[in-house]
N, C-alpha and C. Protein backbone atom coordinates (compact mmCIF):
# COMPACT_ATOMS: atom_id res chain seq x y z
N MET A 1 0.96 -1.05 0.10
CA MET A 1 -0.02 0.05 0.14
C MET A 1 0.91 1.12 -0.05
N LEU A 2 1.78 1.54 0.77
CA LEU A 2 2.97 2.43 0.81
C LEU A 2 3.30 2.49 -0.52
N PHE A 3 3.76 1.51 -1.20
CA PHE A 3 4.42 1.53 -2.50
C PHE A 3 3.39 2.31 -3.60
N CYS A 4 2.10 1.84 -3.55
CA CYS A 4 1.27 2.46 -4.29
C CYS A 4 1.02 3.98 -3.93
N ALA A 5 1.09 4.36 -2.66
CA ALA A 5 1.07 5.70 -2.33
C ALA A 5 2.34 6.38 -2.98
N ILE A 6 3.39 6.07 -2.72
CA ILE A 6 4.73 6.45 -3.17
C ILE A 6 4.73 6.49 -4.88
N LEU A 7 4.07 5.51 -5.25
CA LEU A 7 4.27 5.37 -6.97
C LEU A 7 3.31 6.73 -7.28
N ASN A 8 2.16 6.78 -6.57
CA ASN A 8 1.17 7.82 -7.20
C ASN A 8 1.73 9.07 -6.98
N VAL A 9 2.37 9.40 -5.93
CA VAL A 9 3.24 10.72 -5.81
C VAL A 9 4.44 10.91 -7.05
N ILE A 10 5.12 9.88 -7.16
CA ILE A 10 6.29 10.01 -8.30
C ILE A 10 5.54 10.30 -9.66
N ILE A 11 4.41 9.27 -9.77
CA ILE A 11 3.80 9.66 -11.22
C ILE A 11 3.19 10.88 -11.23
N ILE A 12 2.55 11.47 -10.13
CA ILE A 12 1.97 12.89 -10.32
C ILE A 12 3.14 13.91 -10.44
N LYS A 13 4.08 13.84 -9.61
CA LYS A 13 5.15 14.76 -9.64
C LYS A 13 5.98 14.41 -10.94
N GLY A 14 6.15 13.28 -11.22
CA GLY A 14 6.99 13.12 -12.56
C GLY A 14 6.33 13.47 -13.74
N ALA A 15 5.07 13.59 -13.78
CA ALA A 15 4.28 14.08 -14.92
C ALA A 15 4.57 15.56 -14.98
N THR A 16 4.70 16.26 -13.82
CA THR A 16 5.02 17.67 -13.89
C THR A 16 6.39 18.04 -14.40
N LEU A 17 7.29 17.31 -14.50
CA LEU A 17 8.62 17.25 -14.73
C LEU A 17 8.65 16.80 -16.12
N MET A 18 7.95 16.34 -16.94
CA MET A 18 8.14 15.75 -18.42
C MET A 18 8.16 17.07 -19.10
N THR A 19 8.97 17.06 -20.27
CA THR A 19 9.11 18.21 -21.24
C THR A 19 7.87 18.37 -21.93
N GLN A 20 7.49 19.56 -21.85
CA GLN A 20 6.18 19.99 -22.74
C GLN A 20 6.50 20.89 -23.75
N TYR A 21 5.71 20.65 -25.06
CA TYR A 21 5.94 20.99 -26.02
C TYR A 21 5.01 22.14 -26.40
N HIS A 22 5.52 23.17 -27.25
CA HIS A 22 4.31 24.34 -27.55
C HIS A 22 3.56 23.61 -28.66
N ASN A 23 2.17 23.80 -28.57
CA ASN A 23 1.20 23.05 -29.43
C ASN A 23 0.52 24.23 -30.10
N ILE A 24 0.97 25.14 -30.08
CA ILE A 24 0.03 26.33 -30.69
C ILE A 24 0.79 27.00 -31.76
N PRO A 25 0.37 26.95 -33.10
CA PRO A 25 1.08 27.77 -34.15
C PRO A 25 0.91 29.19 -33.88
N PRO A 26 1.87 29.98 -34.12
CA PRO A 26 2.00 31.46 -34.06
C PRO A 26 0.75 32.04 -34.76
N VAL A 27 0.24 33.09 -34.41
CA VAL A 27 -0.83 33.92 -35.18
C VAL A 27 0.04 35.04 -35.67
N TYR A 28 -0.08 35.40 -36.92
CA TYR A 28 0.90 36.32 -37.78
C TYR A 28 0.63 36.32 -39.57
N ASP A 29 0.95 37.33 -40.17
CA ASP A 29 0.98 37.25 -41.33
C ASP A 29 2.08 38.28 -41.91
N LYS A 30 2.22 38.40 -43.27
CA LYS A 30 3.25 39.05 -43.66
C LYS A 30 3.28 40.71 -43.29
N ASN A 31 1.94 41.05 -42.99
CA ASN A 31 1.82 42.51 -42.59
C ASN A 31 2.11 42.74 -41.26
N SER A 32 2.24 41.68 -40.61
CA SER A 32 2.42 41.97 -38.89
C SER A 32 3.64 42.82 -38.71
N ARG A 33 3.33 44.01 -37.97
CA ARG A 33 4.27 44.85 -37.62
C ARG A 33 4.88 44.77 -36.15
N ILE A 34 3.71 44.25 -35.34
CA ILE A 34 4.15 44.37 -33.98
C ILE A 34 3.81 42.65 -33.22
N LEU A 35 4.87 42.40 -32.51
CA LEU A 35 4.85 41.06 -32.18
C LEU A 35 4.92 41.00 -30.48
N ILE A 36 3.83 40.41 -30.02
CA ILE A 36 3.65 40.01 -28.66
C ILE A 36 4.03 38.88 -28.24
N LEU A 37 5.07 38.72 -27.35
CA LEU A 37 5.61 37.39 -26.94
C LEU A 37 4.99 37.23 -25.41
N GLY A 38 4.55 35.91 -25.61
CA GLY A 38 4.52 35.30 -24.05
C GLY A 38 5.58 34.49 -23.80
N SER A 39 5.70 33.66 -22.61
CA SER A 39 6.74 32.66 -22.30
C SER A 39 6.40 31.22 -22.74
N PHE A 40 5.30 30.79 -22.18
CA PHE A 40 4.89 29.37 -22.58
C PHE A 40 3.49 29.06 -22.37
N PRO A 41 2.73 28.39 -23.12
CA PRO A 41 1.05 28.50 -22.72
C PRO A 41 0.89 27.84 -21.44
N SER A 42 0.09 28.27 -20.89
CA SER A 42 -0.51 27.48 -19.62
C SER A 42 -1.10 26.49 -19.66
N VAL A 43 -1.38 25.60 -18.99
CA VAL A 43 -2.00 24.24 -19.18
C VAL A 43 -3.46 24.50 -19.87
N LYS A 44 -4.18 25.46 -19.34
CA LYS A 44 -5.47 25.89 -19.78
C LYS A 44 -5.20 26.14 -21.59
N SER A 45 -4.37 26.80 -21.81
CA SER A 45 -3.89 27.27 -23.16
C SER A 45 -3.77 26.28 -23.91
N ARG A 46 -2.84 25.13 -23.45
CA ARG A 46 -2.56 24.06 -24.31
C ARG A 46 -3.55 22.98 -24.47
N GLU A 47 -4.60 23.19 -23.37
CA GLU A 47 -5.74 22.30 -23.73
C GLU A 47 -6.84 23.00 -24.77
N ALA A 48 -6.89 24.20 -24.59
CA ALA A 48 -7.65 24.88 -25.59
C ALA A 48 -6.79 25.20 -27.06
N GLN A 49 -5.78 24.62 -27.15
CA GLN A 49 -4.79 25.04 -28.33
C GLN A 49 -4.74 26.37 -28.94
N PHE A 50 -4.80 27.24 -27.86
CA PHE A 50 -4.86 28.73 -28.34
C PHE A 50 -4.12 29.71 -27.28
N PHE A 51 -3.62 30.74 -27.51
CA PHE A 51 -2.88 31.73 -26.73
C PHE A 51 -3.98 32.07 -25.62
N TYR A 52 -3.49 32.47 -24.59
CA TYR A 52 -4.38 33.16 -23.42
C TYR A 52 -5.58 32.50 -23.14
N GLY A 53 -5.66 31.10 -22.96
CA GLY A 53 -6.93 30.36 -22.84
C GLY A 53 -7.43 30.22 -21.42
N HIS A 54 -6.79 30.64 -20.38
CA HIS A 54 -7.36 30.54 -18.94
C HIS A 54 -8.10 31.84 -18.92
N PRO A 55 -9.39 31.37 -18.71
CA PRO A 55 -10.75 32.40 -18.43
C PRO A 55 -10.09 33.68 -17.42
N GLN A 56 -9.15 33.41 -16.72
CA GLN A 56 -8.75 34.52 -15.77
C GLN A 56 -7.76 35.42 -16.24
N ASN A 57 -6.93 34.87 -17.47
CA ASN A 57 -5.88 35.81 -18.06
C ASN A 57 -6.47 36.76 -18.67
N ARG A 58 -5.70 38.19 -18.47
CA ARG A 58 -6.70 39.38 -19.11
C ARG A 58 -6.28 39.77 -20.38
N PHE A 59 -5.33 39.03 -21.11
CA PHE A 59 -4.81 39.37 -22.39
C PHE A 59 -6.10 39.68 -23.24
N TRP A 60 -6.87 39.13 -23.54
CA TRP A 60 -7.93 39.40 -24.51
C TRP A 60 -8.72 40.52 -24.22
N LYS A 61 -8.93 40.98 -23.01
CA LYS A 61 -9.39 42.02 -22.47
C LYS A 61 -8.84 43.24 -22.51
N VAL A 62 -7.68 43.01 -22.08
CA VAL A 62 -6.57 44.35 -22.50
C VAL A 62 -6.41 44.70 -24.04
N MET A 63 -6.18 43.68 -24.91
CA MET A 63 -6.15 43.91 -26.24
C MET A 63 -7.34 44.66 -26.86
N SER A 64 -8.62 44.03 -26.37
CA SER A 64 -9.61 44.69 -27.19
C SER A 64 -9.88 45.97 -26.61
N ALA A 65 -9.62 46.22 -25.44
CA ALA A 65 -9.59 47.76 -24.90
C ALA A 65 -8.44 48.82 -25.52
N VAL A 66 -7.49 48.19 -25.70
CA VAL A 66 -6.07 48.83 -26.50
C VAL A 66 -6.70 49.10 -28.03
N LEU A 67 -7.23 48.15 -28.76
CA LEU A 67 -7.54 48.34 -30.07
C LEU A 67 -8.84 48.76 -30.23
N ASP A 68 -9.45 49.12 -29.24
CA ASP A 68 -11.22 49.67 -29.04
C ASP A 68 -11.75 48.79 -29.90
N CYS A 69 -11.88 47.57 -29.64
CA CYS A 69 -12.64 46.35 -30.44
C CYS A 69 -13.60 45.69 -29.34
N ASP A 70 -14.48 44.97 -29.83
CA ASP A 70 -15.41 44.12 -29.03
C ASP A 70 -14.46 43.02 -28.64
N LEU A 71 -14.94 42.36 -27.49
CA LEU A 71 -14.15 41.46 -26.82
C LEU A 71 -14.37 40.25 -27.68
N PRO A 72 -13.30 39.59 -28.25
CA PRO A 72 -13.31 38.74 -29.10
C PRO A 72 -13.54 37.23 -28.26
N VAL A 73 -14.41 36.38 -28.79
CA VAL A 73 -14.79 35.02 -28.09
C VAL A 73 -14.07 33.95 -28.55
N THR A 74 -14.33 33.90 -29.92
CA THR A 74 -13.94 32.54 -30.65
C THR A 74 -12.56 32.75 -30.92
N VAL A 75 -11.76 31.63 -31.37
CA VAL A 75 -10.32 31.68 -31.94
C VAL A 75 -10.36 32.60 -32.74
N GLN A 76 -11.15 32.38 -33.79
CA GLN A 76 -11.18 32.96 -35.19
C GLN A 76 -11.43 34.84 -35.15
N GLN A 77 -12.18 34.99 -34.10
CA GLN A 77 -12.35 36.18 -33.57
C GLN A 77 -11.01 36.93 -33.07
N LYS A 78 -10.33 36.16 -32.22
CA LYS A 78 -9.23 36.60 -31.86
C LYS A 78 -8.06 36.85 -32.87
N LYS A 79 -7.93 35.93 -33.70
CA LYS A 79 -6.94 36.03 -34.59
C LYS A 79 -7.18 37.05 -35.63
N LEU A 80 -8.55 37.43 -35.91
CA LEU A 80 -8.94 38.40 -36.87
C LEU A 80 -8.71 39.86 -36.30
N MET A 81 -9.24 40.01 -34.93
CA MET A 81 -8.74 41.29 -33.98
C MET A 81 -7.25 41.62 -34.11
N LEU A 82 -6.27 40.48 -34.04
CA LEU A 82 -4.83 40.73 -34.06
C LEU A 82 -4.26 41.10 -35.38
N LEU A 83 -4.82 40.25 -36.44
CA LEU A 83 -4.37 40.39 -37.45
C LEU A 83 -4.78 41.57 -38.46
N SER A 84 -5.85 42.19 -37.96
CA SER A 84 -6.41 43.34 -38.66
C SER A 84 -5.85 44.44 -38.18
N HIS A 85 -4.95 44.26 -37.11
CA HIS A 85 -4.10 45.43 -36.54
C HIS A 85 -2.85 45.31 -36.69
N ASN A 86 -2.51 44.37 -37.42
CA ASN A 86 -0.87 44.01 -37.71
C ASN A 86 -0.16 43.43 -36.67
N ILE A 87 -0.99 42.84 -35.70
CA ILE A 87 -0.33 42.31 -34.60
C ILE A 87 -0.19 40.56 -34.59
N ALA A 88 1.14 40.12 -34.33
CA ALA A 88 1.40 38.70 -34.35
C ALA A 88 1.43 38.46 -32.58
N VAL A 89 1.25 37.10 -32.36
CA VAL A 89 1.28 36.76 -31.06
C VAL A 89 1.99 35.44 -31.24
N TRP A 90 2.85 35.00 -30.35
CA TRP A 90 3.79 33.77 -30.25
C TRP A 90 4.43 33.65 -28.76
N ASP A 91 4.97 32.56 -28.37
CA ASP A 91 5.58 32.64 -27.31
C ASP A 91 7.14 32.34 -27.49
N VAL A 92 7.86 32.83 -26.51
CA VAL A 92 9.24 32.47 -26.78
C VAL A 92 9.81 31.02 -26.62
N ILE A 93 9.34 30.17 -25.77
CA ILE A 93 9.72 29.06 -25.45
C ILE A 93 8.85 27.95 -26.44
N GLY A 94 9.39 27.27 -26.93
CA GLY A 94 9.15 26.09 -27.80
C GLY A 94 8.91 24.65 -27.00
N SER A 95 9.78 24.52 -26.20
CA SER A 95 9.56 23.40 -25.08
C SER A 95 10.49 23.78 -24.07
N CYS A 96 10.09 23.14 -23.06
CA CYS A 96 10.62 23.11 -21.49
C CYS A 96 10.12 22.31 -20.46
N GLU A 97 10.74 22.28 -19.38
CA GLU A 97 10.36 21.37 -18.32
C GLU A 97 9.43 22.51 -17.55
N ILE A 98 8.10 22.09 -17.10
CA ILE A 98 7.53 22.99 -16.30
C ILE A 98 6.47 22.41 -15.40
N THR A 99 6.23 22.78 -14.33
CA THR A 99 5.22 22.47 -13.55
C THR A 99 3.95 23.36 -13.64
N GLY A 100 2.95 22.67 -13.89
CA GLY A 100 1.55 23.36 -14.21
C GLY A 100 1.92 24.37 -15.10
N SER A 101 1.31 25.67 -14.92
CA SER A 101 1.49 26.87 -15.61
C SER A 101 2.45 27.83 -14.78
N SER A 102 3.12 27.21 -14.00
CA SER A 102 4.14 28.30 -13.14
C SER A 102 5.28 28.60 -14.05
N ASP A 103 5.50 29.89 -14.39
CA ASP A 103 6.83 30.21 -14.97
C ASP A 103 7.93 30.18 -14.22
N ALA A 104 7.80 30.44 -13.06
CA ALA A 104 8.75 30.35 -12.00
C ALA A 104 9.71 28.70 -11.94
N THR A 105 8.94 27.75 -12.78
CA THR A 105 9.42 26.59 -12.59
C THR A 105 10.03 26.14 -13.84
N ILE A 106 9.90 26.98 -14.90
CA ILE A 106 10.45 26.62 -16.14
C ILE A 106 12.00 26.33 -16.13
N SER A 107 12.26 25.48 -16.87
CA SER A 107 13.62 24.82 -16.93
C SER A 107 13.95 24.11 -18.24
N SER A 108 15.11 23.85 -18.72
CA SER A 108 15.34 23.03 -19.89
C SER A 108 14.77 23.56 -21.12
N VAL A 109 15.02 24.96 -21.28
CA VAL A 109 14.15 25.75 -22.39
C VAL A 109 14.90 25.51 -23.73
N VAL A 110 14.01 25.34 -24.68
CA VAL A 110 14.31 25.50 -26.12
C VAL A 110 13.53 26.28 -26.64
N PRO A 111 14.20 27.42 -27.07
CA PRO A 111 13.31 28.40 -27.77
C PRO A 111 12.64 28.19 -29.24
N ASN A 112 11.39 29.06 -29.43
CA ASN A 112 11.01 28.93 -30.77
C ASN A 112 11.81 29.79 -31.66
N ASP A 113 11.56 29.81 -33.01
CA ASP A 113 12.28 30.31 -34.06
C ASP A 113 11.67 31.82 -34.26
N ILE A 114 11.84 32.76 -33.35
CA ILE A 114 11.39 33.89 -33.27
C ILE A 114 12.14 34.75 -34.52
N ALA A 115 13.41 34.73 -34.68
CA ALA A 115 13.91 35.33 -36.03
C ALA A 115 13.26 34.88 -37.05
N GLY A 116 13.12 33.55 -37.34
CA GLY A 116 12.36 33.06 -38.54
C GLY A 116 10.95 33.75 -38.81
N LEU A 117 10.15 33.96 -37.72
CA LEU A 117 8.94 34.57 -37.84
C LEU A 117 9.12 35.99 -38.34
N VAL A 118 10.10 36.67 -37.55
CA VAL A 118 10.29 38.07 -37.87
C VAL A 118 10.77 38.22 -39.33
N ALA A 119 11.49 37.38 -39.74
CA ALA A 119 11.86 37.35 -41.17
C ALA A 119 10.93 37.08 -42.06
N GLU A 120 9.62 36.64 -41.77
CA GLU A 120 8.73 36.47 -42.76
C GLU A 120 7.47 37.48 -42.63
N THR A 121 7.76 38.52 -41.87
CA THR A 121 6.76 39.58 -41.49
C THR A 121 7.51 40.95 -41.50
N SER A 122 6.68 41.95 -41.17
CA SER A 122 7.06 43.27 -41.30
C SER A 122 7.48 43.72 -39.85
N VAL A 123 7.65 43.07 -39.00
CA VAL A 123 7.57 43.10 -37.55
C VAL A 123 8.85 44.26 -37.08
N THR A 124 8.60 45.13 -36.61
CA THR A 124 9.70 46.25 -36.17
C THR A 124 9.76 46.54 -34.55
N ARG A 125 8.61 46.12 -33.95
CA ARG A 125 8.55 46.18 -32.60
C ARG A 125 8.04 44.82 -31.88
N ILE A 126 8.84 44.69 -30.76
CA ILE A 126 8.33 43.33 -29.97
C ILE A 126 8.12 43.78 -28.62
N PHE A 127 7.12 43.15 -28.04
CA PHE A 127 6.43 43.14 -26.74
C PHE A 127 6.42 42.15 -26.15
N ALA A 128 6.91 41.95 -24.84
CA ALA A 128 6.93 40.90 -23.90
C ALA A 128 5.85 40.83 -22.76
N ASN A 129 5.09 39.85 -22.64
CA ASN A 129 3.87 39.97 -21.87
C ASN A 129 4.62 39.36 -20.54
N GLY A 130 5.20 40.09 -19.73
CA GLY A 130 5.74 39.85 -18.51
C GLY A 130 7.20 39.69 -18.46
N ALA A 131 7.65 39.55 -17.37
CA ALA A 131 9.18 39.47 -16.96
C ALA A 131 9.72 38.26 -17.48
N THR A 132 9.05 37.04 -17.36
CA THR A 132 9.57 35.91 -17.77
C THR A 132 10.13 36.00 -19.21
N SER A 133 8.74 36.15 -20.08
CA SER A 133 8.95 36.11 -21.58
C SER A 133 10.18 37.33 -22.07
N TYR A 134 10.22 38.24 -21.26
CA TYR A 134 11.16 39.48 -21.62
C TYR A 134 12.61 38.69 -21.26
N ASN A 135 12.75 38.10 -20.11
CA ASN A 135 13.98 37.49 -19.83
C ASN A 135 14.30 36.53 -20.80
N MET A 136 13.38 35.76 -21.10
CA MET A 136 13.74 34.53 -22.01
C MET A 136 14.03 34.95 -23.37
N TYR A 137 13.41 36.21 -23.85
CA TYR A 137 13.49 36.74 -25.18
C TYR A 137 15.19 37.08 -25.12
N LYS A 138 15.56 38.01 -24.05
CA LYS A 138 16.76 38.55 -24.13
C LYS A 138 18.03 37.45 -24.14
N ARG A 139 17.70 36.38 -23.31
CA ARG A 139 18.55 35.18 -23.14
C ARG A 139 18.97 34.43 -24.59
N TYR A 140 17.60 34.17 -24.94
CA TYR A 140 17.50 32.99 -26.15
C TYR A 140 17.25 33.61 -27.59
N CYS A 141 16.83 34.95 -27.65
CA CYS A 141 16.34 35.31 -29.06
C CYS A 141 16.84 36.69 -29.53
N ARG A 142 17.17 37.74 -28.52
CA ARG A 142 17.23 38.88 -29.09
C ARG A 142 18.52 39.05 -30.01
N ASP A 143 19.73 38.49 -29.67
CA ASP A 143 20.59 38.39 -30.65
C ASP A 143 20.49 38.26 -32.10
N ASN A 144 19.88 37.02 -32.09
CA ASN A 144 19.35 36.61 -33.81
C ASN A 144 18.32 37.40 -34.28
N VAL A 145 17.51 37.99 -33.38
CA VAL A 145 16.40 38.91 -34.08
C VAL A 145 16.79 40.34 -34.24
N GLY A 146 17.62 40.74 -33.54
CA GLY A 146 17.96 42.24 -33.71
C GLY A 146 17.32 43.17 -33.15
N ILE A 147 16.09 42.91 -32.53
CA ILE A 147 15.01 44.04 -32.21
C ILE A 147 14.89 43.73 -30.70
N GLU A 148 15.25 44.95 -29.96
CA GLU A 148 14.87 45.12 -28.52
C GLU A 148 13.41 44.65 -28.15
N ALA A 149 13.28 44.23 -27.04
CA ALA A 149 11.70 44.05 -26.68
C ALA A 149 11.36 44.80 -25.58
N VAL A 150 10.04 45.29 -25.55
CA VAL A 150 9.61 46.29 -24.45
C VAL A 150 8.87 45.35 -23.53
N LYS A 151 9.33 45.30 -22.26
CA LYS A 151 8.60 44.46 -21.27
C LYS A 151 7.43 44.96 -20.75
N LEU A 152 6.04 44.62 -21.00
CA LEU A 152 4.94 45.07 -20.49
C LEU A 152 4.59 44.37 -19.40
N PRO A 153 3.83 44.65 -18.31
CA PRO A 153 3.27 43.79 -17.10
C PRO A 153 2.45 42.85 -17.69
N SER A 154 2.76 41.77 -17.09
CA SER A 154 2.02 40.32 -17.31
C SER A 154 0.53 40.58 -17.20
N THR A 155 -0.29 39.79 -18.11
CA THR A 155 -1.66 39.96 -17.93
C THR A 155 -2.22 38.64 -17.17
N SER A 156 -1.15 37.92 -16.63
CA SER A 156 -1.55 36.50 -16.09
C SER A 156 -2.49 36.93 -14.74
N PRO A 157 -3.23 36.20 -14.30
CA PRO A 157 -3.95 36.33 -12.93
C PRO A 157 -3.04 36.36 -12.06
N ALA A 158 -1.91 35.92 -11.86
CA ALA A 158 -0.94 35.71 -10.89
C ALA A 158 -0.31 37.20 -10.67
N ASN A 159 -0.57 37.93 -11.80
CA ASN A 159 0.02 39.54 -11.68
C ASN A 159 -1.22 40.39 -10.95
N ALA A 160 -1.20 40.07 -9.50
CA ALA A 160 -2.32 40.78 -8.88
C ALA A 160 -2.03 42.21 -8.54
N ALA A 161 -0.80 42.78 -8.57
CA ALA A 161 -0.32 44.00 -8.40
C ALA A 161 -0.97 45.07 -9.55
N PHE A 162 -1.50 44.56 -10.82
CA PHE A 162 -1.89 45.38 -11.66
C PHE A 162 -3.31 45.11 -11.95
N SER A 163 -4.17 45.81 -11.72
CA SER A 163 -5.64 45.93 -12.14
C SER A 163 -5.88 45.84 -13.57
N LEU A 164 -7.11 45.50 -14.18
CA LEU A 164 -7.28 45.39 -15.49
C LEU A 164 -7.17 46.76 -15.99
N GLU A 165 -7.43 47.95 -15.28
CA GLU A 165 -7.50 49.37 -15.75
C GLU A 165 -5.96 49.92 -15.86
N ARG A 166 -5.32 49.40 -14.95
CA ARG A 166 -3.92 49.62 -15.15
C ARG A 166 -3.08 48.97 -16.10
N LEU A 167 -3.43 47.74 -16.21
CA LEU A 167 -2.92 46.98 -17.35
C LEU A 167 -3.13 47.51 -18.67
N ILE A 168 -4.50 48.03 -18.82
CA ILE A 168 -5.00 48.60 -20.19
C ILE A 168 -4.32 50.09 -20.59
N SER A 169 -4.09 50.77 -19.24
CA SER A 169 -3.38 51.97 -19.49
C SER A 169 -2.08 51.78 -20.09
N VAL A 170 -1.35 50.95 -19.17
CA VAL A 170 0.21 50.78 -19.60
C VAL A 170 0.39 50.07 -21.08
N TRP A 171 -0.36 49.30 -21.37
CA TRP A 171 -0.27 48.64 -22.55
C TRP A 171 -0.56 49.33 -23.71
N LYS A 172 -1.68 50.24 -23.55
CA LYS A 172 -2.21 51.26 -24.58
C LYS A 172 -0.97 52.24 -24.77
N SER A 173 -0.61 52.66 -24.02
CA SER A 173 0.70 53.74 -23.91
C SER A 173 1.69 53.04 -24.60
N GLN A 174 2.20 52.00 -24.53
CA GLN A 174 3.19 51.32 -25.13
C GLN A 174 2.92 50.78 -26.71
N ILE A 175 1.72 50.25 -26.76
CA ILE A 175 1.61 49.50 -28.04
C ILE A 175 1.17 50.62 -29.15
N LEU A 176 0.30 51.80 -28.65
CA LEU A 176 -0.13 52.56 -29.55
C LEU A 176 0.75 53.85 -29.72
N SER A 177 2.07 53.94 -28.99
CA SER A 177 3.01 54.77 -29.10
C SER A 177 3.56 54.65 -30.64
N GLN A 178 4.05 55.80 -31.36
CA GLN A 178 4.61 55.89 -32.47
C GLN A 178 3.85 55.73 -33.88
């Protein structure tokens, strides 16, 4: 019986240490001028197979307010909102070891080909959604891409220091500048 309990713990904990692979293709087209980078999809996003799939993540509320659009509901509406404003979205990390959705547990990082995406687009500005994506971009991608990223406050529900209104204000001031 003790062996079964230990085995269950090992399986549960072991499963969290397995390498996770990014399963969401980037949203972009040749006209994309802005790239917004996250770190790695949350468990909910990986299940939904689209970016910012956790219902408490404020990304879609922030972007709809910044762009003065109706809040998109479907994946198609979300893609259309981004692309119609020449915005691309992807994540810095292509695969990693991660426990749940916690950026603090990320290790064994293999980055996505951000330089390849930028080469296929008109991207001239890159924004990082939170400190982890910003730091990972600087560490793994910046030199190959040749564009500095601007760190924005995370839209994650874990970022309780920023209200929705404050997030919108900061994101709007950065994304709509120039």
